[in-house]
C-alpha atoms as a PDB file:
ATOM      1  CA  MET A   1     -16.163   7.830   3.093  1.00  0.00           C
ATOM      2  CA  GLY A   2     -16.807   4.712   1.030  1.00  0.00           C
ATOM      3  CA  ALA A   3     -15.535   1.272   1.950  1.00  0.00           C
ATOM      4  CA  ASP A   4     -12.868   1.414  -0.757  1.00  0.00           C
ATOM      5  CA  ALA A   5     -11.442   4.701   0.542  1.00  0.00           C
ATOM      6  CA  GLU A   6     -11.612   3.394   4.100  1.00  0.00           C
ATOM      7  CA  PHE A   7      -9.714   0.245   3.059  1.00  0.00           C
ATOM      8  CA  ILE A   8      -7.000   2.337   1.412  1.00  0.00           C
ATOM      9  CA  ARG A   9      -6.678   4.706   4.393  1.00  0.00           C
ATOM     10  CA  PHE A  10      -6.648   1.950   6.989  1.00  0.00           C
ATOM     11  CA  SER A  11      -4.157  -0.231   5.083  1.00  0.00           C
ATOM     12  CA  ALA A  12      -1.591   2.568   4.802  1.00  0.00           C
ATOM     13  CA  GLU A  13      -2.058   3.623   8.427  1.00  0.00           C
ATOM     14  CA  LYS A  14      -1.841   0.056   9.743  1.00  0.00           C
ATOM     15  CA  LEU A  15       1.468  -0.532   7.947  1.00  0.00           C
ATOM     16  CA  GLU A  16       2.827   2.703   9.435  1.00  0.00           C
ATOM     17  CA  GLN A  17       1.644   1.785  12.933  1.00  0.00           C
ATOM     18  CA  LEU A  18       3.205  -1.672  12.755  1.00  0.00           C
ATOM     19  CA  ARG A  19       6.407  -0.251  11.287  1.00  0.00           C
ATOM     20  CA  GLY A  20       6.656   2.065  14.290  1.00  0.00           C
ATOM     21  CA  ARG A  21       6.385  -0.906  16.620  1.00  0.00           C
ATOM     22  CA  ILE A  22       9.120  -2.756  14.753  1.00  0.00           C
ATOM     23  CA  GLU A  23      11.354   0.331  14.958  1.00  0.00           C
ATOM     24  CA  ASP A  24      10.641   0.507  18.692  1.00  0.00           C
ATOM     25  CA  CYS A  25      11.606  -3.138  19.133  1.00  0.00           C
ATOM     26  CA  LEU A  26      14.820  -2.673  17.166  1.00  0.00           C
ATOM     27  CA  GLY A  27      15.672   0.191  19.508  1.00  0.00           C
ATOM     28  CA  ARG A  28      15.185  -2.022  22.568  1.00  0.00           C
ATOM     29  CA  LEU A  29      17.308  -4.932  21.325  1.00  0.00           C
ATOM     30  CA  SER A  30      21.084  -5.265  21.217  1.00  0.00           C
ATOM     31  CA  ASP A  31      22.825  -6.269  17.989  1.00  0.00           C
ATOM     32  CA  GLY A  32      23.182  -9.789  19.367  1.00  0.00           C
ATOM     33  CA  GLN A  33      19.510 -10.012  20.272  1.00  0.00           C
ATOM     34  CA  VAL A  34      18.419  -8.793  16.823  1.00  0.00           C
ATOM     35  CA  TRP A  35      20.341 -11.657  15.219  1.00  0.00           C
ATOM     36  CA  MET A  36      19.838 -14.347  17.879  1.00  0.00           C
ATOM     37  CA  ARG A  37      18.533 -17.775  16.872  1.00  0.00           C
ATOM     38  CA  ASN A  38      17.964 -20.745  19.131  1.00  0.00           C
ATOM     39  CA  SER A  39      18.124 -23.187  16.231  1.00  0.00           C
ATOM     40  CA  GLY A  40      18.680 -23.322  12.510  1.00  0.00           C
ATOM     41  CA  ASN A  41      14.967 -23.496  11.734  1.00  0.00           C
ATOM     42  CA  GLU A  42      14.214 -20.161  13.426  1.00  0.00           C
ATOM     43  CA  ASN A  43      14.470 -16.681  12.013  1.00  0.00           C
ATOM     44  CA  ALA A  44      16.109 -13.885  13.928  1.00  0.00           C
ATOM     45  CA  VAL A  45      14.342 -10.542  14.295  1.00  0.00           C
ATOM     46  CA  GLY A  46      16.815  -9.183  11.738  1.00  0.00           C
ATOM     47  CA  ASN A  47      15.769 -11.811   9.199  1.00  0.00           C
ATOM     48  CA  LEU A  48      12.104 -10.993   9.753  1.00  0.00           C
ATOM     49  CA  VAL A  49      12.754  -7.291   9.139  1.00  0.00           C
ATOM     50  CA  LEU A  50      14.680  -8.036   5.930  1.00  0.00           C
ATOM     51  CA  HIS A  51      11.904 -10.408   4.883  1.00  0.00           C
ATOM     52  CA  LEU A  52       9.240  -7.759   5.445  1.00  0.00           C
ATOM     53  CA  CYS A  53      11.249  -5.245   3.417  1.00  0.00           C
ATOM     54  CA  GLY A  54      11.499  -7.728   0.554  1.00  0.00           C
ATOM     55  CA  ASN A  55       7.860  -8.781   0.730  1.00  0.00           C
ATOM     56  CA  VAL A  56       6.435  -5.251   0.845  1.00  0.00           C
ATOM     57  CA  THR A  57       8.737  -4.066  -1.928  1.00  0.00           C
ATOM     58  CA  GLN A  58       7.778  -6.989  -4.145  1.00  0.00           C
ATOM     59  CA  TRP A  59       4.034  -7.027  -3.500  1.00  0.00           C
ATOM     60  CA  ILE A  60       3.422  -3.258  -3.413  1.00  0.00           C
ATOM     61  CA  GLY A  61       6.379  -1.886  -5.379  1.00  0.00           C
ATOM     62  CA  THR A  62       6.242  -4.523  -8.108  1.00  0.00           C
ATOM     63  CA  GLY A  63       2.733  -5.949  -7.931  1.00  0.00           C
ATOM     64  CA  VAL A  64       0.870  -2.686  -7.380  1.00  0.00           C
ATOM     65  CA  ALA A  65       3.196   0.091  -8.595  1.00  0.00           C
ATOM     66  CA  GLY A  66       4.590  -1.903 -11.538  1.00  0.00           C
ATOM     67  CA  ARG A  67       8.281  -1.525 -10.717  1.00  0.00           C
ATOM     68  CA  PRO A  68      10.854  -4.168 -11.700  1.00  0.00           C
ATOM     69  CA  ASP A  69      11.085  -7.123  -9.316  1.00  0.00           C
ATOM     70  CA  GLN A  70      14.559  -7.247  -7.782  1.00  0.00           C
ATOM     71  CA  ARG A  71      13.753  -9.302  -4.702  1.00  0.00           C
ATOM     72  CA  GLN A  72      16.308 -11.852  -3.477  1.00  0.00           C
ATOM     73  CA  ARG A  73      14.110 -13.744  -0.992  1.00  0.00           C
ATOM     74  CA  ASP A  74      16.694 -16.363   0.005  1.00  0.00           C
ATOM     75  CA  GLN A  75      19.117 -13.620   1.099  1.00  0.00           C
ATOM     76  CA  GLU A  76      16.535 -12.278   3.556  1.00  0.00           C
ATOM     77  CA  PHE A  77      16.762 -15.533   5.506  1.00  0.00           C
ATOM     78  CA  ALA A  78      20.464 -16.196   4.943  1.00  0.00           C
ATOM     79  CA  ALA A  79      21.610 -12.983   6.655  1.00  0.00           C
ATOM     80  CA  ARG A  80      23.435 -13.537   9.932  1.00  0.00           C
ATOM     81  CA  GLY A  81      24.127 -10.113  11.409  1.00  0.00           C
ATOM     82  CA  GLU A  82      25.553  -8.110   8.561  1.00  0.00           C
ATOM     83  CA  VAL A  83      22.974  -5.338   9.038  1.00  0.00           C
ATOM     84  CA  GLN A  84      22.910  -3.304  12.240  1.00  0.00           C
ATOM     85  CA  PRO A  85      19.595  -2.578  14.018  1.00  0.00           C
ATOM     86  CA  ALA A  86      19.684   1.130  13.105  1.00  0.00           C
ATOM     87  CA  GLU A  87      20.083   0.249   9.418  1.00  0.00           C
ATOM     88  CA  LEU A  88      17.257  -2.292   9.659  1.00  0.00           C
ATOM     89  CA  ALA A  89      15.047   0.413  11.178  1.00  0.00           C
ATOM     90  CA  ALA A  90      15.973   2.834   8.397  1.00  0.00           C
ATOM     91  CA  ARG A  91      15.216   0.229   5.722  1.00  0.00           C
ATOM     92  CA  ILE A  92      11.828  -0.759   7.108  1.00  0.00           C
ATOM     93  CA  HIS A  93      10.946   2.923   7.550  1.00  0.00           C
ATOM     94  CA  ALA A  94      11.736   3.757   3.931  1.00  0.00           C
ATOM     95  CA  VAL A  95       9.997   0.676   2.539  1.00  0.00           C
ATOM     96  CA  VAL A  96       6.796   1.294   4.486  1.00  0.00           C
ATOM     97  CA  GLU A  97       6.718   5.015   3.681  1.00  0.00           C
ATOM     98  CA  ASP A  98       6.992   4.178  -0.011  1.00  0.00           C
ATOM     99  CA  ALA A  99       4.350   1.451   0.197  1.00  0.00           C
ATOM    100  CA  ALA A 100       1.965   3.675   2.170  1.00  0.00           C
ATOM    101  CA  ALA A 101       2.303   6.372  -0.498  1.00  0.00           C
ATOM    102  CA  VAL A 102       1.564   3.840  -3.247  1.00  0.00           C
ATOM    103  CA  ILE A 103      -1.454   2.541  -1.346  1.00  0.00           C
ATOM    104  CA  ARG A 104      -2.774   6.062  -0.684  1.00  0.00           C
ATOM    105  CA  SER A 105      -2.525   6.834  -4.405  1.00  0.00           C
ATOM    106  CA  LEU A 106      -4.877   3.980  -5.326  1.00  0.00           C
ATOM    107  CA  THR A 107      -8.288   4.675  -6.758  1.00  0.00           C
ATOM    108  CA  PRO A 108     -11.314   2.451  -6.217  1.00  0.00           C
ATOM    109  CA  GLN A 109     -10.983   1.285  -9.828  1.00  0.00           C
ATOM    110  CA  ARG A 110      -7.379   0.196  -9.282  1.00  0.00           C
ATOM    111  CA  LEU A 111      -8.400  -2.017  -6.359  1.00  0.00           C
ATOM    112  CA  ALA A 112     -10.259  -4.288  -8.779  1.00  0.00           C
ATOM    113  CA  GLU A 113      -7.409  -4.489 -11.332  1.00  0.00           C
ATOM    114  CA  ARG A 114      -5.602  -7.787 -11.734  1.00  0.00           C
ATOM    115  CA  THR A 115      -1.889  -8.123 -11.044  1.00  0.00           C
ATOM    116  CA  LYS A 116       0.625 -10.926 -10.726  1.00  0.00           C
ATOM    117  CA  VAL A 117       2.996 -11.270  -7.778  1.00  0.00           C
ATOM    118  CA  GLN A 118       5.256 -14.265  -7.432  1.00  0.00           C
ATOM    119  CA  GLN A 119       3.058 -17.007  -8.912  1.00  0.00           C
ATOM    120  CA  TYR A 120      -0.215 -15.456  -7.778  1.00  0.00           C
ATOM    121  CA  ASN A 121      -2.775 -13.820 -10.080  1.00  0.00           C
ATOM    122  CA  LEU A 122      -4.890 -11.562  -7.866  1.00  0.00           C
ATOM    123  CA  THR A 123      -6.469  -8.144  -7.532  1.00  0.00           C
ATOM    124  CA  VAL A 124      -4.648  -5.085  -6.267  1.00  0.00           C
ATOM    125  CA  LEU A 125      -6.982  -5.156  -3.253  1.00  0.00           C
ATOM    126  CA  GLU A 126      -5.894  -8.726  -2.515  1.00  0.00           C
ATOM    127  CA  ALA A 127      -2.229  -7.753  -2.843  1.00  0.00           C
ATOM    128  CA  VAL A 128      -2.645  -4.888  -0.361  1.00  0.00           C
ATOM    129  CA  TYR A 129      -4.622  -7.097   2.006  1.00  0.00           C
ATOM    130  CA  HIS A 130      -1.931  -9.779   1.818  1.00  0.00           C
ATOM    131  CA  VAL A 131       0.805  -7.275   2.638  1.00  0.00           C
ATOM    132  CA  VAL A 132      -1.000  -5.871   5.683  1.00  0.00           C
ATOM    133  CA  GLU A 133      -1.835  -9.372   6.957  1.00  0.00           C
ATOM    134  CA  HIS A 134       1.674 -10.691   6.348  1.00  0.00           C
ATOM    135  CA  PHE A 135       3.271  -7.611   7.902  1.00  0.00           C
ATOM    136  CA  SER A 136       1.029  -7.943  10.947  1.00  0.00           C
ATOM    137  CA  MET A 137       1.891 -11.615  11.435  1.00  0.00           C
ATOM    138  CA  HIS A 138       5.636 -11.025  11.391  1.00  0.00           C
ATOM    139  CA  THR A 139       5.308  -7.899  13.534  1.00  0.00           C
ATOM    140  CA  GLY A 140       3.655 -10.110  16.140  1.00  0.00           C
ATOM    141  CA  GLN A 141       6.638 -12.452  16.015  1.00  0.00           C
ATOM    142  CA  ILE A 142       9.015  -9.516  16.467  1.00  0.00           C
ATOM    143  CA  LEU A 143       6.986  -8.200  19.410  1.00  0.00           C
ATOM    144  CA  PHE A 144       6.962 -11.626  21.050  1.00  0.00           C
ATOM    145  CA  ALA A 145      10.716 -12.045  20.545  1.00  0.00           C
ATOM    146  CA  THR A 146      11.350  -8.580  21.984  1.00  0.00           C
ATOM    147  CA  LYS A 147       9.276  -9.331  25.081  1.00  0.00           C
ATOM    148  CA  LEU A 148      11.040 -12.664  25.480  1.00  0.00           C
ATOM    149  CA  LEU A 149      14.524 -11.206  25.046  1.00  0.00           C
ATOM    150  CA  THR A 150      14.053  -8.096  27.181  1.00  0.00           C
ATOM    151  CA  GLY A 151      11.441  -9.131  29.737  1.00  0.00           C
ATOM    152  CA  GLN A 152       9.743  -5.782  29.064  1.00  0.00           C
ATOM    153  CA  ASP A 153       6.100  -4.875  28.692  1.00  0.00           C
ATOM    154  CA  LEU A 154       6.153  -2.990  25.404  1.00  0.00           C
ATOM    155  CA  GLY A 155       3.241  -0.852  26.569  1.00  0.00           C
ATOM    156  CA  TYR A 156       1.331  -0.576  23.312  1.00  0.00           C
ATOM    157  CA  TYR A 157      -1.998  -1.308  24.994  1.00  0.00           C
ATOM    158  CA  ARG A 158      -1.345   0.179  28.408  1.00  0.00           C
ATOM    159  CA  HIS A 159      -4.126   2.705  27.806  1.00  0.00           C
ATOM    160  CA  LEU A 160      -6.671  -0.132  27.890  1.00  0.00           C
ATOM    161  CA  SER A 161      -5.723  -0.957  31.476  1.00  0.00           C
ATOM    162  CA  ALA A 162      -6.475   2.488  32.865  1.00  0.00           C
ATOM    163  CA  PRO A 163      -8.480   2.394  36.077  1.00  0.00           C
ATOM    164  CA  ALA A 164     -12.197   2.897  35.637  1.00  0.00           C
ATOM    165  CA  ARG A 165     -13.456   6.369  36.500  1.00  0.00           C
ATOM    166  CA  THR A 166     -15.701   6.471  39.536  1.00  0.00           C
ATOM    167  CA  ASP A 167     -16.747  10.102  39.283  1.00  0.00           C
ATOM    168  CA  THR A 168     -19.313   9.585  36.527  1.00  0.00           C
ATOM    169  CA  VAL A 169     -22.989   8.951  36.983  1.00  0.00           C
ATOM    170  CA  PRO A 170     -24.347   5.897  35.139  1.00  0.00           C
END
């Protein structure tokens, strides 16, 4: 598999993996926890999920797939609990499934094409890379908030802490 195909495969799979972790967090949090803020300059988990939906839809749906841009970015941050956790999970699921399908449909030639998203003129590869990086950053914030709010170990890397086997010969 060439590097271009590997990039496409990994990008789609990484978005799906991170989406699953966000869905898991939404399932662990109460409605109040999803929309909790300690101060006006913080975003609630709910705002971050809405923001990711808007960002992925704009950058992949518009910038890569060529659909009309209907994003209302300010509304992503202005929300204060109007959307329940189950609906947030359904939205992020649908957005990521669509984006992953768009990414998987890319050809190596398309990766080098130029596109414009927001005020940025960049390649399709750069747009995909931005989305995965941005999604990962905000997923980390959601994971941290979930750990803080629930006191739970989310267990995503528990397999790395397995005891070493002593029955093997070096």
